[in-house]
Amino acid sequence: MKNILVALLCAVVMPLAFAHPPGTGSVSYKQDLLPIINANPLLSSLVKEEFTVTNDTAMGTRIGDSMAPALGGTRIGPYYVDAIWHSKSGDKLVSLTIYTEVQFFDNSGKLLGDDIGSAAKVVETFDGIAIEKPGL
């Protein structure tokens, strides 16, 4: 009986543990993404007028310790967040993707190319959006 309970528990809990793809991490839409979005007034006004974010938790790409030890755990775009799109044909639940241009800098402030192993700082600029049906 104990083995059956353990098997049932694993069948329910294990899929939840892997609900987000590897290499992703959560960020706060209000605290982490709005400052990036607000730095681009044109796109910022579009996002604020056309969408209502339904959850403060957004998902981004997590930088691994092995890629850039000083930035291990840092999240970068693209970011994904659930939102309501106020379209001309009515409100629609969507997955809003927020794209950013990402630049990496070393300790001396030098812009890095493809090798980000010595990166000490990351700067993101709001670059665009995409909308998809939720759950894709």
Protein backbone atom coordinates (compact mmCIF):
# COMPACT_ATOMS: atom_id res chain seq x y z
CA MET A 1 0.00 0.00 0.00
CA LYS A 2 2.85 2.37 0.89
CA ASN A 3 4.46 1.78 -2.53
CA ILE A 4 1.19 2.62 -4.30
CA LEU A 5 0.88 5.90 -2.38
CA VAL A 6 4.48 6.84 -3.19
CA ALA A 7 3.92 6.01 -6.87
CA LEU A 8 0.74 8.12 -6.98
CA LEU A 9 2.46 11.00 -5.23
CA CYS A 10 5.36 10.87 -7.71
CA ALA A 11 2.93 10.74 -10.65
CA VAL A 12 1.30 13.95 -9.45
CA VAL A 13 4.30 15.89 -8.12
CA MET A 14 7.02 15.08 -10.67
CA PRO A 15 5.29 16.72 -13.68
CA LEU A 16 4.77 19.86 -11.60
CA ALA A 17 8.48 20.01 -10.81
CA PHE A 18 9.22 20.25 -14.52
CA ALA A 19 6.37 22.60 -15.49
CA HIS A 20 8.85 25.20 -16.78
CA PRO A 21 11.52 24.32 -19.32
CA PRO A 22 15.09 24.01 -18.08
CA GLY A 23 17.00 27.27 -18.16
CA THR A 24 14.06 29.46 -17.24
CA GLY A 25 13.49 31.55 -14.16
CA SER A 26 10.77 33.79 -12.84
CA VAL A 27 10.88 37.57 -12.52
CA SER A 28 8.41 40.17 -11.29
CA TYR A 29 6.66 41.98 -14.13
CA LYS A 30 6.21 45.12 -12.01
CA GLN A 31 9.65 45.24 -10.37
CA ASP A 32 11.89 43.77 -13.07
CA LEU A 33 10.21 44.25 -16.45
CA LEU A 34 8.33 47.55 -16.17
CA PRO A 35 11.55 49.59 -15.76
CA ILE A 36 12.90 48.01 -18.98
CA ILE A 37 9.59 48.57 -20.78
CA ASN A 38 9.21 52.16 -19.55
CA ALA A 39 12.62 53.09 -20.97
CA ASN A 40 11.10 52.82 -24.46
CA PRO A 41 8.19 55.33 -24.44
CA LEU A 42 6.72 54.32 -27.81
CA LEU A 43 6.56 50.59 -27.12
CA SER A 44 5.69 51.22 -23.47
CA SER A 45 2.54 53.14 -24.39
CA LEU A 46 1.53 50.38 -26.81
CA VAL A 47 1.91 47.67 -24.16
CA LYS A 48 0.06 49.68 -21.50
CA GLU A 49 -2.83 50.60 -23.84
CA GLU A 50 -3.29 47.23 -25.52
CA PHE A 51 -2.58 44.75 -22.72
CA THR A 52 -3.42 44.07 -19.09
CA VAL A 53 -0.94 41.71 -17.47
CA THR A 54 -2.87 39.12 -15.44
CA ASN A 55 -0.03 37.77 -13.31
CA ASP A 56 2.99 39.56 -11.86
CA THR A 57 5.18 36.50 -12.50
CA ALA A 58 6.94 36.42 -15.85
CA MET A 59 9.39 33.82 -17.12
CA GLY A 60 12.79 34.65 -18.57
CA THR A 61 15.96 32.86 -19.62
CA ARG A 62 18.25 32.04 -16.69
CA ILE A 63 22.00 32.52 -17.13
CA GLY A 64 23.81 29.49 -15.77
CA ASP A 65 26.82 29.70 -13.46
CA SER A 66 28.91 27.84 -16.04
CA MET A 67 28.17 30.47 -18.74
CA ALA A 68 28.95 33.58 -16.70
CA PRO A 69 29.88 32.88 -13.07
CA ALA A 70 29.34 36.48 -11.91
CA LEU A 71 25.86 36.55 -13.46
CA GLY A 72 24.74 33.01 -12.57
CA GLY A 73 21.01 33.03 -11.88
CA THR A 74 20.38 36.35 -13.63
CA ARG A 75 17.31 36.35 -15.85
CA ILE A 76 17.30 37.89 -19.34
CA GLY A 77 14.79 38.19 -22.17
CA PRO A 78 12.83 37.15 -23.93
CA TYR A 79 10.25 37.18 -21.16
CA TYR A 80 6.84 35.53 -21.22
CA VAL A 81 3.83 36.73 -19.23
CA ASP A 82 0.08 36.06 -19.34
CA ALA A 83 -2.00 39.04 -20.42
CA ILE A 84 -5.36 40.14 -21.73
CA TRP A 85 -5.13 41.73 -25.16
CA HIS A 86 -7.75 44.43 -25.66
CA SER A 87 -8.21 43.77 -29.39
CA LYS A 88 -10.78 45.42 -31.65
CA SER A 89 -12.77 42.18 -31.65
CA GLY A 90 -12.77 41.93 -27.85
CA ASP A 91 -10.56 40.88 -24.98
CA LYS A 92 -8.42 37.79 -25.53
CA LEU A 93 -6.19 35.87 -23.12
CA VAL A 94 -2.69 35.70 -24.64
CA SER A 95 0.89 34.90 -23.83
CA LEU A 96 2.81 38.16 -24.25
CA THR A 97 6.46 37.82 -25.20
CA ILE A 98 8.68 40.77 -24.33
CA TYR A 99 11.87 40.83 -26.39
CA THR A 100 14.98 42.62 -25.20
CA GLU A 101 18.34 43.45 -26.69
CA VAL A 102 20.89 42.07 -24.24
CA GLN A 103 24.42 43.44 -23.83
CA PHE A 104 27.09 42.01 -21.56
CA PHE A 105 29.95 44.00 -20.02
CA ASP A 106 33.07 42.97 -18.10
CA ASN A 107 34.33 44.56 -14.85
CA SER A 108 36.01 47.41 -16.72
CA GLY A 109 32.80 48.27 -18.62
CA LYS A 110 33.98 46.79 -21.93
CA LEU A 111 31.15 45.49 -24.14
CA LEU A 112 31.56 41.75 -24.68
CA GLY A 113 30.77 39.73 -27.78
CA ASP A 114 29.76 36.08 -27.87
CA ASP A 115 32.08 34.99 -25.04
CA ILE A 116 30.27 36.13 -21.89
CA GLY A 117 32.37 34.11 -19.43
CA SER A 118 33.91 37.28 -17.96
CA ALA A 119 30.63 39.22 -17.91
CA ALA A 120 29.99 41.17 -14.72
CA LYS A 121 27.01 43.26 -15.84
CA VAL A 122 24.05 42.85 -18.17
CA VAL A 123 22.02 45.67 -19.72
CA GLU A 124 18.69 45.06 -21.46
CA THR A 125 16.76 47.33 -23.81
CA PHE A 126 13.10 46.73 -24.67
CA ASP A 127 13.08 45.67 -28.30
CA GLY A 128 9.59 44.40 -29.18
CA ILE A 129 6.67 42.14 -28.39
CA ALA A 130 4.84 39.15 -29.79
CA ILE A 131 1.51 37.63 -28.84
CA GLU A 132 0.51 33.97 -28.93
CA LYS A 133 -2.33 31.84 -27.73
CA PRO A 134 -1.71 30.93 -24.08
CA GLY A 135 0.02 27.65 -23.35
CA LEU A 136 2.14 27.52 -26.51
